[in-house]
Amino acid sequence: MGKFLSVIVGGAVAVLGLIGLLAWKHEFGVMLKGTVPAMLIFGGVIAVIAGISEIKDEAASKKEEKKEEKK
């Protein structure tokens, strides 16, 4: 019974969301204009940090391999 209830409630919420989107499309557009650039900036910063971390890890593993080869 719980699975069917979650499907019904999920469908009802999706329909309400669609109605709200159609009723407030201008406000939704304004919100997107404000949040999308911020999300792109934060996503870019996270990607740069992840890339730098990967480069550092690769350099450390190469350094470790060279130490093992000398032994």
C-alpha atoms as a PDB file:
ATOM      1  CA  MET A   1       0.000   0.000   0.000  1.00  0.00           C
ATOM      2  CA  GLY A   2       2.867   2.388   0.802  1.00  0.00           C
ATOM      3  CA  LYS A   3       4.373   2.047  -2.677  1.00  0.00           C
ATOM      4  CA  PHE A   4       1.105   2.998  -4.360  1.00  0.00           C
ATOM      5  CA  LEU A   5       0.630   5.920  -1.998  1.00  0.00           C
ATOM      6  CA  SER A   6       4.096   7.267  -2.792  1.00  0.00           C
ATOM      7  CA  VAL A   7       3.355   7.050  -6.541  1.00  0.00           C
ATOM      8  CA  ILE A   8       0.038   8.895  -6.096  1.00  0.00           C
ATOM      9  CA  VAL A   9       1.559  11.567  -3.854  1.00  0.00           C
ATOM     10  CA  GLY A  10       4.534  11.964  -6.196  1.00  0.00           C
ATOM     11  CA  GLY A  11       2.247  12.418  -9.183  1.00  0.00           C
ATOM     12  CA  ALA A  12       0.115  14.962  -7.341  1.00  0.00           C
ATOM     13  CA  VAL A  13       3.203  16.932  -6.291  1.00  0.00           C
ATOM     14  CA  ALA A  14       4.540  16.883  -9.864  1.00  0.00           C
ATOM     15  CA  VAL A  15       1.220  18.210 -11.194  1.00  0.00           C
ATOM     16  CA  LEU A  16       1.159  20.954  -8.544  1.00  0.00           C
ATOM     17  CA  GLY A  17       4.714  21.868  -9.460  1.00  0.00           C
ATOM     18  CA  LEU A  18       3.806  22.100 -13.142  1.00  0.00           C
ATOM     19  CA  ILE A  19       0.796  24.282 -12.346  1.00  0.00           C
ATOM     20  CA  GLY A  20       2.985  26.513 -10.183  1.00  0.00           C
ATOM     21  CA  LEU A  21       5.613  26.741 -12.906  1.00  0.00           C
ATOM     22  CA  LEU A  22       3.015  27.788 -15.470  1.00  0.00           C
ATOM     23  CA  ALA A  23       1.437  30.316 -13.087  1.00  0.00           C
ATOM     24  CA  TRP A  24       4.752  31.863 -11.998  1.00  0.00           C
ATOM     25  CA  LYS A  25       6.891  31.422 -15.115  1.00  0.00           C
ATOM     26  CA  HIS A  26       8.246  34.979 -14.967  1.00  0.00           C
ATOM     27  CA  GLU A  27       9.374  34.602 -11.357  1.00  0.00           C
ATOM     28  CA  PHE A  28      10.856  31.210 -12.186  1.00  0.00           C
ATOM     29  CA  GLY A  29      12.838  32.787 -15.040  1.00  0.00           C
ATOM     30  CA  VAL A  30      14.149  35.500 -12.731  1.00  0.00           C
ATOM     31  CA  MET A  31      15.187  32.865 -10.214  1.00  0.00           C
ATOM     32  CA  LEU A  32      17.008  30.872 -12.910  1.00  0.00           C
ATOM     33  CA  LYS A  33      18.817  33.990 -14.110  1.00  0.00           C
ATOM     34  CA  GLY A  34      20.103  34.485 -10.573  1.00  0.00           C
ATOM     35  CA  THR A  35      20.994  30.923  -9.656  1.00  0.00           C
ATOM     36  CA  VAL A  36      22.419  29.407 -12.856  1.00  0.00           C
ATOM     37  CA  PRO A  37      25.483  31.700 -13.030  1.00  0.00           C
ATOM     38  CA  ALA A  38      26.205  31.115  -9.339  1.00  0.00           C
ATOM     39  CA  MET A  39      25.913  27.339  -9.802  1.00  0.00           C
ATOM     40  CA  LEU A  40      28.264  27.510 -12.803  1.00  0.00           C
ATOM     41  CA  ILE A  41      30.826  29.478 -10.798  1.00  0.00           C
ATOM     42  CA  PHE A  42      30.695  27.064  -7.849  1.00  0.00           C
ATOM     43  CA  GLY A  43      30.774  24.049 -10.166  1.00  0.00           C
ATOM     44  CA  GLY A  44      33.790  25.459 -11.983  1.00  0.00           C
ATOM     45  CA  VAL A  45      35.639  26.118  -8.740  1.00  0.00           C
ATOM     46  CA  ILE A  46      34.924  22.570  -7.551  1.00  0.00           C
ATOM     47  CA  ALA A  47      36.154  21.161 -10.885  1.00  0.00           C
ATOM     48  CA  VAL A  48      39.388  23.178 -10.653  1.00  0.00           C
ATOM     49  CA  ILE A  49      39.989  22.021  -7.068  1.00  0.00           C
ATOM     50  CA  ALA A  50      39.325  18.398  -8.065  1.00  0.00           C
ATOM     51  CA  GLY A  51      41.717  18.708 -11.010  1.00  0.00           C
ATOM     52  CA  ILE A  52      44.488  20.194  -8.876  1.00  0.00           C
ATOM     53  CA  SER A  53      43.997  17.443  -6.307  1.00  0.00           C
ATOM     54  CA  GLU A  54      44.229  14.787  -9.017  1.00  0.00           C
ATOM     55  CA  ILE A  55      47.425  16.333 -10.408  1.00  0.00           C
ATOM     56  CA  LYS A  56      48.959  16.369  -6.916  1.00  0.00           C
ATOM     57  CA  ASP A  57      47.961  12.730  -6.329  1.00  0.00           C
ATOM     58  CA  GLU A  58      49.458  11.678  -9.655  1.00  0.00           C
ATOM     59  CA  ALA A  59      52.715  13.510  -8.905  1.00  0.00           C
ATOM     60  CA  ALA A  60      52.888  11.885  -5.465  1.00  0.00           C
ATOM     61  CA  SER A  61      52.322   8.408  -6.920  1.00  0.00           C
ATOM     62  CA  LYS A  62      55.049   8.945  -9.549  1.00  0.00           C
ATOM     63  CA  LYS A  63      57.393  10.094  -6.798  1.00  0.00           C
ATOM     64  CA  GLU A  64      56.544   6.980  -4.791  1.00  0.00           C
ATOM     65  CA  GLU A  65      57.182   4.743  -7.839  1.00  0.00           C
ATOM     66  CA  LYS A  66      60.614   6.302  -8.326  1.00  0.00           C
ATOM     67  CA  LYS A  67      61.472   5.610  -4.662  1.00  0.00           C
ATOM     68  CA  GLU A  68      60.451   1.955  -5.047  1.00  0.00           C
ATOM     69  CA  GLU A  69      62.503   1.572  -8.244  1.00  0.00           C
ATOM     70  CA  LYS A  70      65.647   2.801  -6.469  1.00  0.00           C
ATOM     71  CA  LYS A  71      65.292   0.092  -3.796  1.00  0.00           C
END
